[in-house]
Amino acid sequence: MENYKLVLPEHLNHYGFLFGGHLLKWIDEVGYIAVTLDYPGRNFVTVAMDKVEFRKSVRNGTILAFVTEQKHKGNTAVEYSVKAYTEKIENGIREMAFSTNITFVAVDSEGHKQPI
């Protein structure tokens, strides 16, 4: 699954670079969209991101492309790989800016784990 985000001035720190917290929020969001579409009718919560390492700085006006792929499904949890790429408008070249694995757990209405 692919999603896109345009980096705007309100996403930047005082040095003009993307705040890492915004990127983590978007990673969580695109992962949640993927798991929700893959398992309709189930409720999921985020329980883990395995590694947080920013590989490339991101500036205002950058288009970020998020590529989400399911890696592993267990009884109550599912793990996705999420990669964020910068995409240059002038030539379409992509460069990896961030990647992580994110794990979601299926829960019932009271927040207890349940089978997927």
N, C-alpha and C. Protein backbone atom coordinates (compact mmCIF):
# COMPACT_ATOMS: atom_id res chain seq x y z
N MET A 1 0.84 -1.16 0.00
CA MET A 1 0.00 0.00 0.00
C MET A 1 0.89 1.23 0.00
N GLU A 2 0.48 2.24 -0.72
CA GLU A 2 1.24 3.48 -0.77
C GLU A 2 0.36 4.65 -0.37
N ASN A 3 0.94 5.56 0.42
CA ASN A 3 0.29 6.81 0.83
C ASN A 3 1.30 7.93 0.65
N TYR A 4 0.80 9.16 0.59
CA TYR A 4 1.68 10.32 0.39
C TYR A 4 1.33 11.42 1.39
N LYS A 5 2.34 12.21 1.69
CA LYS A 5 2.16 13.36 2.58
C LYS A 5 3.04 14.49 2.07
N LEU A 6 2.50 15.70 2.04
CA LEU A 6 3.25 16.89 1.68
C LEU A 6 3.74 17.55 2.97
N VAL A 7 5.03 17.78 3.07
CA VAL A 7 5.61 18.43 4.25
C VAL A 7 5.40 19.94 4.12
N LEU A 8 4.71 20.51 5.11
CA LEU A 8 4.36 21.93 5.12
C LEU A 8 5.10 22.66 6.25
N PRO A 9 5.10 24.00 6.22
CA PRO A 9 5.83 24.76 7.24
C PRO A 9 5.45 24.40 8.68
N GLU A 10 4.20 24.05 8.93
CA GLU A 10 3.79 23.71 10.31
C GLU A 10 4.36 22.38 10.79
N HIS A 11 5.00 21.62 9.91
CA HIS A 11 5.61 20.34 10.28
C HIS A 11 7.10 20.48 10.61
N LEU A 12 7.64 21.69 10.49
CA LEU A 12 9.08 21.91 10.60
C LEU A 12 9.51 22.43 11.97
N ASN A 13 10.76 22.13 12.32
CA ASN A 13 11.34 22.71 13.54
C ASN A 13 11.95 24.08 13.20
N HIS A 14 12.57 24.70 14.18
CA HIS A 14 13.11 26.05 13.98
C HIS A 14 14.33 26.08 13.07
N TYR A 15 14.88 24.92 12.69
CA TYR A 15 15.99 24.85 11.74
C TYR A 15 15.50 24.60 10.31
N GLY A 16 14.19 24.40 10.15
CA GLY A 16 13.62 24.19 8.83
C GLY A 16 13.54 22.73 8.40
N PHE A 17 13.74 21.81 9.34
CA PHE A 17 13.65 20.38 9.05
C PHE A 17 12.39 19.79 9.67
N LEU A 18 11.92 18.69 9.10
CA LEU A 18 10.74 18.00 9.61
C LEU A 18 10.97 17.54 11.05
N PHE A 19 10.02 17.85 11.93
CA PHE A 19 10.04 17.30 13.28
C PHE A 19 9.86 15.79 13.19
N GLY A 20 10.70 15.05 13.90
CA GLY A 20 10.61 13.59 13.88
C GLY A 20 9.29 13.08 14.39
N GLY A 21 8.69 13.78 15.34
CA GLY A 21 7.40 13.36 15.88
C GLY A 21 6.30 13.34 14.85
N HIS A 22 6.34 14.27 13.89
CA HIS A 22 5.34 14.26 12.82
C HIS A 22 5.51 13.01 11.96
N LEU A 23 6.76 12.68 11.65
CA LEU A 23 7.00 11.49 10.84
C LEU A 23 6.52 10.23 11.56
N LEU A 24 6.79 10.14 12.86
CA LEU A 24 6.33 8.97 13.62
C LEU A 24 4.81 8.88 13.64
N LYS A 25 4.16 10.02 13.77
CA LYS A 25 2.69 10.06 13.74
C LYS A 25 2.17 9.55 12.40
N TRP A 26 2.79 9.99 11.31
CA TRP A 26 2.35 9.57 9.97
C TRP A 26 2.61 8.08 9.75
N ILE A 27 3.73 7.58 10.26
CA ILE A 27 4.03 6.15 10.16
C ILE A 27 2.94 5.34 10.87
N ASP A 28 2.58 5.78 12.07
CA ASP A 28 1.53 5.10 12.84
C ASP A 28 0.21 5.15 12.07
N GLU A 29 -0.09 6.28 11.48
CA GLU A 29 -1.34 6.45 10.74
C GLU A 29 -1.40 5.56 9.50
N VAL A 30 -0.34 5.53 8.69
CA VAL A 30 -0.39 4.71 7.47
C VAL A 30 -0.38 3.22 7.82
N GLY A 31 0.30 2.85 8.90
CA GLY A 31 0.26 1.46 9.36
C GLY A 31 -1.14 1.08 9.80
N TYR A 32 -1.78 1.98 10.55
CA TYR A 32 -3.14 1.72 11.02
C TYR A 32 -4.11 1.59 9.84
N ILE A 33 -3.95 2.44 8.84
CA ILE A 33 -4.82 2.34 7.66
C ILE A 33 -4.64 0.98 6.99
N ALA A 34 -3.40 0.53 6.86
CA ALA A 34 -3.14 -0.76 6.22
C ALA A 34 -3.77 -1.92 7.00
N VAL A 35 -3.54 -1.96 8.32
CA VAL A 35 -4.09 -3.08 9.11
C VAL A 35 -5.61 -3.04 9.13
N THR A 36 -6.20 -1.86 9.15
CA THR A 36 -7.65 -1.74 9.17
C THR A 36 -8.26 -2.20 7.84
N LEU A 37 -7.60 -1.87 6.74
CA LEU A 37 -8.09 -2.33 5.43
C LEU A 37 -7.87 -3.83 5.23
N ASP A 38 -6.76 -4.35 5.78
CA ASP A 38 -6.48 -5.79 5.65
C ASP A 38 -7.41 -6.64 6.51
N TYR A 39 -7.86 -6.10 7.65
CA TYR A 39 -8.70 -6.85 8.58
C TYR A 39 -9.92 -6.02 8.97
N PRO A 40 -10.85 -5.82 8.04
CA PRO A 40 -12.03 -5.01 8.33
C PRO A 40 -12.85 -5.59 9.47
N GLY A 41 -13.44 -4.69 10.25
CA GLY A 41 -14.29 -5.12 11.35
C GLY A 41 -13.54 -5.39 12.65
N ARG A 42 -12.22 -5.32 12.62
CA ARG A 42 -11.39 -5.54 13.81
C ARG A 42 -10.89 -4.20 14.33
N ASN A 43 -10.65 -4.15 15.63
CA ASN A 43 -10.06 -2.96 16.25
C ASN A 43 -8.60 -3.27 16.57
N PHE A 44 -7.71 -2.33 16.28
CA PHE A 44 -6.28 -2.52 16.51
C PHE A 44 -5.70 -1.35 17.29
N VAL A 45 -4.67 -1.66 18.07
CA VAL A 45 -3.88 -0.63 18.74
C VAL A 45 -2.41 -0.88 18.40
N THR A 46 -1.65 0.20 18.36
CA THR A 46 -0.21 0.10 18.12
C THR A 46 0.47 -0.32 19.40
N VAL A 47 1.34 -1.32 19.32
CA VAL A 47 2.08 -1.75 20.51
C VAL A 47 3.58 -1.57 20.38
N ALA A 48 4.12 -1.44 19.16
CA ALA A 48 5.58 -1.31 19.05
C ALA A 48 6.00 -0.78 17.68
N MET A 49 7.12 -0.07 17.71
CA MET A 49 7.92 0.24 16.52
C MET A 49 9.30 -0.26 16.87
N ASP A 50 9.90 -1.04 15.98
CA ASP A 50 11.14 -1.70 16.37
C ASP A 50 12.39 -0.83 16.36
N LYS A 51 12.45 0.16 15.50
CA LYS A 51 13.66 0.97 15.42
C LYS A 51 13.28 2.35 14.90
N VAL A 52 13.84 3.35 15.52
CA VAL A 52 13.59 4.72 15.07
C VAL A 52 14.94 5.32 14.69
N GLU A 53 15.18 5.40 13.39
CA GLU A 53 16.43 5.94 12.88
C GLU A 53 16.12 6.79 11.65
N PHE A 54 16.37 8.08 11.77
CA PHE A 54 16.11 9.00 10.67
C PHE A 54 17.34 9.02 9.76
N ARG A 55 17.19 8.62 8.51
CA ARG A 55 18.32 8.46 7.59
C ARG A 55 18.57 9.67 6.72
N LYS A 56 17.58 10.51 6.56
CA LYS A 56 17.71 11.65 5.65
C LYS A 56 16.87 12.79 6.20
N SER A 57 17.42 13.99 6.13
CA SER A 57 16.64 15.14 6.58
C SER A 57 15.56 15.45 5.54
N VAL A 58 14.48 16.04 6.02
CA VAL A 58 13.33 16.34 5.17
C VAL A 58 13.00 17.82 5.34
N ARG A 59 12.85 18.52 4.23
CA ARG A 59 12.59 19.96 4.22
C ARG A 59 11.16 20.27 3.77
N ASN A 60 10.80 21.53 3.91
CA ASN A 60 9.51 22.04 3.47
C ASN A 60 9.28 21.74 1.98
N GLY A 61 8.07 21.34 1.65
CA GLY A 61 7.71 21.09 0.26
C GLY A 61 8.03 19.69 -0.24
N THR A 62 8.66 18.89 0.60
CA THR A 62 9.00 17.52 0.21
C THR A 62 7.73 16.66 0.17
N ILE A 63 7.63 15.83 -0.83
CA ILE A 63 6.57 14.82 -0.86
C ILE A 63 7.16 13.55 -0.27
N LEU A 64 6.50 13.03 0.76
CA LEU A 64 6.92 11.77 1.36
C LEU A 64 6.01 10.66 0.83
N ALA A 65 6.62 9.59 0.38
CA ALA A 65 5.88 8.41 -0.06
C ALA A 65 6.07 7.33 1.00
N PHE A 66 4.97 6.81 1.52
CA PHE A 66 4.99 5.76 2.54
C PHE A 66 4.59 4.44 1.90
N VAL A 67 5.45 3.45 2.02
CA VAL A 67 5.18 2.12 1.46
C VAL A 67 5.01 1.17 2.64
N THR A 68 3.84 0.56 2.74
CA THR A 68 3.49 -0.31 3.86
C THR A 68 3.23 -1.72 3.36
N GLU A 69 3.90 -2.71 3.98
CA GLU A 69 3.72 -4.10 3.60
C GLU A 69 3.61 -4.97 4.85
N GLN A 70 2.67 -5.90 4.83
CA GLN A 70 2.53 -6.83 5.95
C GLN A 70 3.72 -7.78 5.98
N LYS A 71 4.31 -7.96 7.16
CA LYS A 71 5.46 -8.86 7.31
C LYS A 71 5.12 -10.16 8.00
N HIS A 72 4.29 -10.07 9.05
CA HIS A 72 4.02 -11.26 9.86
C HIS A 72 2.65 -11.11 10.53
N LYS A 73 1.92 -12.23 10.58
CA LYS A 73 0.64 -12.26 11.27
C LYS A 73 0.68 -13.38 12.30
N GLY A 74 0.35 -13.03 13.54
CA GLY A 74 0.23 -14.01 14.60
C GLY A 74 -1.23 -14.21 14.95
N ASN A 75 -1.48 -14.75 16.13
CA ASN A 75 -2.85 -15.00 16.57
C ASN A 75 -3.59 -13.70 16.90
N THR A 76 -2.91 -12.79 17.61
CA THR A 76 -3.55 -11.53 18.01
C THR A 76 -2.82 -10.30 17.46
N ALA A 77 -1.64 -10.48 16.90
CA ALA A 77 -0.83 -9.34 16.46
C ALA A 77 -0.45 -9.48 14.99
N VAL A 78 -0.20 -8.33 14.38
CA VAL A 78 0.25 -8.29 12.99
C VAL A 78 1.33 -7.21 12.88
N GLU A 79 2.38 -7.52 12.11
CA GLU A 79 3.51 -6.61 11.95
C GLU A 79 3.60 -6.14 10.50
N TYR A 80 3.88 -4.85 10.34
CA TYR A 80 4.04 -4.24 9.03
C TYR A 80 5.40 -3.57 8.93
N SER A 81 5.96 -3.59 7.74
CA SER A 81 7.13 -2.80 7.41
C SER A 81 6.61 -1.50 6.81
N VAL A 82 7.10 -0.37 7.32
CA VAL A 82 6.73 0.93 6.76
C VAL A 82 8.01 1.65 6.39
N LYS A 83 8.09 2.07 5.13
CA LYS A 83 9.25 2.82 4.64
C LYS A 83 8.76 4.17 4.14
N ALA A 84 9.50 5.21 4.52
CA ALA A 84 9.19 6.56 4.06
C ALA A 84 10.29 7.02 3.12
N TYR A 85 9.89 7.47 1.94
CA TYR A 85 10.83 7.93 0.93
C TYR A 85 10.57 9.41 0.63
N THR A 86 11.64 10.16 0.41
CA THR A 86 11.47 11.49 -0.15
C THR A 86 11.33 11.30 -1.66
N GLU A 87 10.47 12.09 -2.26
CA GLU A 87 10.28 11.97 -3.70
C GLU A 87 10.46 13.35 -4.32
N LYS A 88 11.44 13.47 -5.21
CA LYS A 88 11.74 14.75 -5.84
C LYS A 88 10.72 15.04 -6.94
N ILE A 89 10.14 16.21 -6.86
CA ILE A 89 9.10 16.59 -7.82
C ILE A 89 9.68 16.71 -9.23
N GLU A 90 10.90 17.24 -9.34
CA GLU A 90 11.46 17.52 -10.67
C GLU A 90 11.86 16.27 -11.46
N ASN A 91 12.17 15.14 -10.77
CA ASN A 91 12.61 13.97 -11.52
C ASN A 91 12.03 12.64 -11.01
N GLY A 92 11.25 12.67 -9.94
CA GLY A 92 10.62 11.46 -9.42
C GLY A 92 11.54 10.51 -8.68
N ILE A 93 12.79 10.92 -8.45
CA ILE A 93 13.75 10.05 -7.76
C ILE A 93 13.37 9.93 -6.29
N ARG A 94 13.37 8.67 -5.80
CA ARG A 94 13.05 8.39 -4.40
C ARG A 94 14.32 8.07 -3.62
N GLU A 95 14.36 8.58 -2.39
CA GLU A 95 15.44 8.23 -1.46
C GLU A 95 14.81 7.85 -0.14
N MET A 96 15.31 6.77 0.46
CA MET A 96 14.79 6.32 1.76
C MET A 96 15.13 7.33 2.84
N ALA A 97 14.12 7.77 3.57
CA ALA A 97 14.32 8.70 4.67
C ALA A 97 14.17 8.01 6.03
N PHE A 98 13.34 6.96 6.07
CA PHE A 98 13.03 6.31 7.34
C PHE A 98 12.40 4.95 7.07
N SER A 99 12.69 3.99 7.94
CA SER A 99 11.99 2.72 7.87
C SER A 99 11.86 2.14 9.27
N THR A 100 10.82 1.38 9.47
CA THR A 100 10.60 0.72 10.75
C THR A 100 9.63 -0.43 10.55
N ASN A 101 9.54 -1.27 11.55
CA ASN A 101 8.48 -2.28 11.62
C ASN A 101 7.56 -1.87 12.74
N ILE A 102 6.27 -1.92 12.48
CA ILE A 102 5.27 -1.50 13.46
C ILE A 102 4.32 -2.67 13.72
N THR A 103 4.02 -2.89 14.99
CA THR A 103 3.18 -4.02 15.39
C THR A 103 1.87 -3.52 15.97
N PHE A 104 0.78 -4.14 15.52
CA PHE A 104 -0.56 -3.83 16.00
C PHE A 104 -1.14 -5.08 16.66
N VAL A 105 -1.95 -4.88 17.69
CA VAL A 105 -2.65 -5.97 18.36
C VAL A 105 -4.15 -5.76 18.22
N ALA A 106 -4.86 -6.82 17.90
CA ALA A 106 -6.32 -6.76 17.82
C ALA A 106 -6.89 -6.74 19.23
N VAL A 107 -7.85 -5.85 19.47
CA VAL A 107 -8.47 -5.74 20.79
C VAL A 107 -9.98 -5.68 20.66
N ASP A 108 -10.66 -6.07 21.76
CA ASP A 108 -12.11 -5.96 21.80
C ASP A 108 -12.47 -4.56 22.29
N SER A 109 -13.75 -4.31 22.50
CA SER A 109 -14.23 -2.97 22.89
C SER A 109 -13.73 -2.55 24.26
N GLU A 110 -13.25 -3.49 25.07
CA GLU A 110 -12.73 -3.16 26.40
C GLU A 110 -11.20 -3.11 26.42
N GLY A 111 -10.57 -3.29 25.25
CA GLY A 111 -9.13 -3.20 25.16
C GLY A 111 -8.38 -4.49 25.44
N HIS A 112 -9.10 -5.62 25.51
CA HIS A 112 -8.45 -6.91 25.71
C HIS A 112 -8.06 -7.52 24.38
N LYS A 113 -6.90 -8.20 24.36
CA LYS A 113 -6.47 -8.87 23.14
C LYS A 113 -7.54 -9.85 22.67
N GLN A 114 -7.62 -9.95 21.35
CA GLN A 114 -8.53 -10.94 20.76
C GLN A 114 -7.91 -11.49 19.50
N PRO A 115 -8.29 -12.68 19.10
CA PRO A 115 -7.75 -13.25 17.86
C PRO A 115 -8.12 -12.39 16.66
N ILE A 116 -7.22 -12.38 15.70
CA ILE A 116 -7.47 -11.58 14.48
C ILE A 116 -8.50 -12.27 13.66
